[in-house]
Amino acid sequence: MEFIQANIMWVALAVISGSLLLWQLVSGSLGGASVSPMQATLLLNREDAIVIDVREPAEWSAGHIANARHIVLSQLEKRLAEIEKFKSRSVIVYCASGNRSATACGVLRKAGFEKVFNLAGGISAWNEASLPVTTK
């Protein structure tokens, strides 16, 4: 007990960092597998994957992956019926950086989607890989 009192800052730091690591582990497993932009293009080309953009309308308008379906994260559960027929296909979900899409992947998994992938780094990583986007 004396050790903890004498080193309260170090103990607090260890507890906080451990909690953050645990949170990362849990949120990653709920969200499903992550794929890089290159792996995503392979899924698109080889498996005819479905792409879902969960960003806000202004972000969508600035540019998105061609043929992506736009379903804002806050509307995803309400609009599951629109994509229900794709439960057995590969689904790639993305947002700006990968955080919102991880949440969306968890929603899709709970709804019974079999192959759900989070685009690691989101549209930012897609752009950094010099892959095409459209505003149409």
Protein backbone atom coordinates (compact mmCIF):
# COMPACT_ATOMS: atom_id res chain seq x y z
CA MET A 1 0.00 0.00 0.00
CA GLU A 2 2.90 2.35 0.79
CA PHE A 3 4.30 1.76 -2.70
CA ILE A 4 1.03 2.80 -4.32
CA GLN A 5 0.79 5.96 -2.21
CA ALA A 6 4.41 6.89 -2.90
CA ASN A 7 4.05 6.29 -6.63
CA ILE A 8 0.45 7.32 -7.28
CA MET A 9 1.33 9.06 -10.56
CA TRP A 10 3.04 5.96 -11.96
CA VAL A 11 0.23 3.69 -10.81
CA ALA A 12 -2.39 6.00 -12.38
CA LEU A 13 -0.41 6.08 -15.63
CA ALA A 14 -0.19 2.27 -15.69
CA VAL A 15 -3.94 1.91 -15.05
CA ILE A 16 -4.85 4.45 -17.72
CA SER A 17 -2.54 2.98 -20.37
CA GLY A 18 -3.75 -0.54 -19.57
CA SER A 19 -7.35 0.60 -19.89
CA LEU A 20 -6.64 2.21 -23.25
CA LEU A 21 -4.96 -0.94 -24.53
CA LEU A 22 -7.88 -3.05 -23.36
CA TRP A 23 -10.35 -0.64 -25.00
CA GLN A 24 -8.43 -0.85 -28.29
CA LEU A 25 -8.50 -4.64 -28.13
CA VAL A 26 -12.22 -4.80 -27.37
CA SER A 27 -13.28 -2.16 -29.92
CA GLY A 28 -11.12 -3.76 -32.61
CA SER A 29 -12.68 -7.18 -32.12
CA LEU A 30 -16.20 -5.75 -32.19
CA GLY A 31 -15.54 -3.82 -35.36
CA GLY A 32 -14.18 -6.73 -37.31
CA ALA A 33 -11.15 -7.06 -39.51
CA SER A 34 -9.39 -4.04 -40.91
CA VAL A 35 -8.18 -3.88 -44.48
CA SER A 36 -5.70 -1.55 -46.11
CA PRO A 37 -6.74 0.42 -49.19
CA MET A 38 -4.88 -2.12 -51.38
CA GLN A 39 -6.61 -5.08 -49.71
CA ALA A 40 -9.91 -3.25 -50.17
CA THR A 41 -9.31 -2.90 -53.91
CA LEU A 42 -8.65 -6.65 -54.09
CA LEU A 43 -11.96 -7.31 -52.32
CA LEU A 44 -13.70 -4.95 -54.74
CA ASN A 45 -12.19 -6.57 -57.80
CA ARG A 46 -12.17 -10.24 -56.77
CA GLU A 47 -15.27 -10.51 -54.59
CA ASP A 48 -17.43 -7.65 -55.85
CA ALA A 49 -17.50 -6.22 -52.32
CA ILE A 50 -20.08 -3.67 -51.27
CA VAL A 51 -18.71 -0.34 -50.00
CA ILE A 52 -20.53 1.70 -47.36
CA ASP A 53 -19.56 5.27 -46.49
CA VAL A 54 -20.78 6.24 -43.01
CA ARG A 55 -19.59 9.86 -43.09
CA GLU A 56 -21.77 12.94 -42.87
CA PRO A 57 -23.30 14.42 -46.07
CA ALA A 58 -20.76 17.25 -46.36
CA GLU A 59 -17.89 14.77 -46.14
CA TRP A 60 -19.55 12.54 -48.76
CA SER A 61 -19.97 15.51 -51.13
CA ALA A 62 -16.27 16.33 -50.89
CA GLY A 63 -15.42 12.96 -52.44
CA HIS A 64 -16.12 9.27 -51.93
CA ILE A 65 -15.18 5.87 -53.31
CA ALA A 66 -16.97 5.15 -56.58
CA ASN A 67 -20.15 3.06 -56.24
CA ALA A 68 -20.13 3.40 -52.45
CA ARG A 69 -23.47 3.50 -50.68
CA HIS A 70 -23.90 6.50 -48.41
CA ILE A 71 -25.48 5.60 -45.09
CA VAL A 72 -24.64 7.99 -42.26
CA LEU A 73 -23.60 6.12 -39.11
CA SER A 74 -26.50 7.54 -37.10
CA GLN A 75 -28.94 6.12 -39.69
CA LEU A 76 -27.30 2.72 -40.20
CA GLU A 77 -29.53 0.66 -37.92
CA LYS A 78 -32.68 2.26 -39.39
CA ARG A 79 -31.53 1.59 -42.96
CA LEU A 80 -30.28 -2.00 -42.61
CA ALA A 81 -33.18 -3.24 -44.76
CA GLU A 82 -31.61 -1.46 -47.76
CA ILE A 83 -28.50 -3.62 -47.59
CA GLU A 84 -29.98 -6.80 -46.08
CA LYS A 85 -29.57 -8.66 -49.37
CA PHE A 86 -25.78 -8.28 -49.15
CA LYS A 87 -25.34 -10.20 -45.87
CA SER A 88 -23.28 -12.96 -47.47
CA ARG A 89 -21.06 -10.64 -49.54
CA SER A 90 -17.94 -8.83 -48.41
CA VAL A 91 -18.76 -5.38 -47.06
CA ILE A 92 -16.14 -2.64 -46.71
CA VAL A 93 -17.09 0.22 -44.41
CA TYR A 94 -15.25 3.51 -44.20
CA CYS A 95 -15.38 6.99 -42.71
CA ALA A 96 -12.79 9.77 -42.52
CA SER A 97 -10.23 7.92 -40.41
CA GLY A 98 -11.62 4.52 -39.41
CA ASN A 99 -13.23 5.24 -36.03
CA ARG A 100 -16.88 5.67 -37.00
CA SER A 101 -16.60 2.81 -39.47
CA ALA A 102 -15.39 0.49 -36.68
CA THR A 103 -18.64 1.22 -34.86
CA ALA A 104 -20.59 0.62 -38.07
CA CYS A 105 -18.81 -2.73 -38.56
CA GLY A 106 -20.00 -3.79 -35.12
CA VAL A 107 -23.59 -2.85 -36.01
CA LEU A 108 -23.39 -4.85 -39.25
CA ARG A 109 -21.92 -7.90 -37.50
CA LYS A 110 -24.71 -7.84 -34.93
CA ALA A 111 -27.20 -7.66 -37.81
CA GLY A 112 -25.79 -10.89 -39.26
CA PHE A 113 -23.43 -9.65 -41.97
CA GLU A 114 -20.81 -12.35 -42.47
CA LYS A 115 -17.79 -10.60 -44.00
CA VAL A 116 -17.40 -7.06 -42.69
CA PHE A 117 -14.18 -5.11 -43.13
CA ASN A 118 -13.17 -1.71 -41.78
CA LEU A 119 -11.07 0.38 -44.18
CA ALA A 120 -8.04 1.12 -42.00
CA GLY A 121 -7.36 4.85 -42.02
CA GLY A 122 -10.64 5.58 -43.81
CA ILE A 123 -10.90 7.81 -46.85
CA SER A 124 -7.71 9.56 -45.70
CA ALA A 125 -5.71 6.37 -46.24
CA TRP A 126 -7.53 5.78 -49.54
CA ASN A 127 -6.48 9.27 -50.74
CA GLU A 128 -2.92 8.80 -49.48
CA ALA A 129 -2.72 5.62 -51.58
CA SER A 130 -3.67 7.77 -54.61
CA LEU A 131 -6.79 5.72 -55.26
CA PRO A 132 -9.68 7.36 -57.15
CA VAL A 133 -12.59 9.19 -55.56
CA THR A 134 -15.64 10.73 -57.16
CA THR A 135 -18.05 13.54 -56.30
CA LYS A 136 -20.85 12.16 -58.48
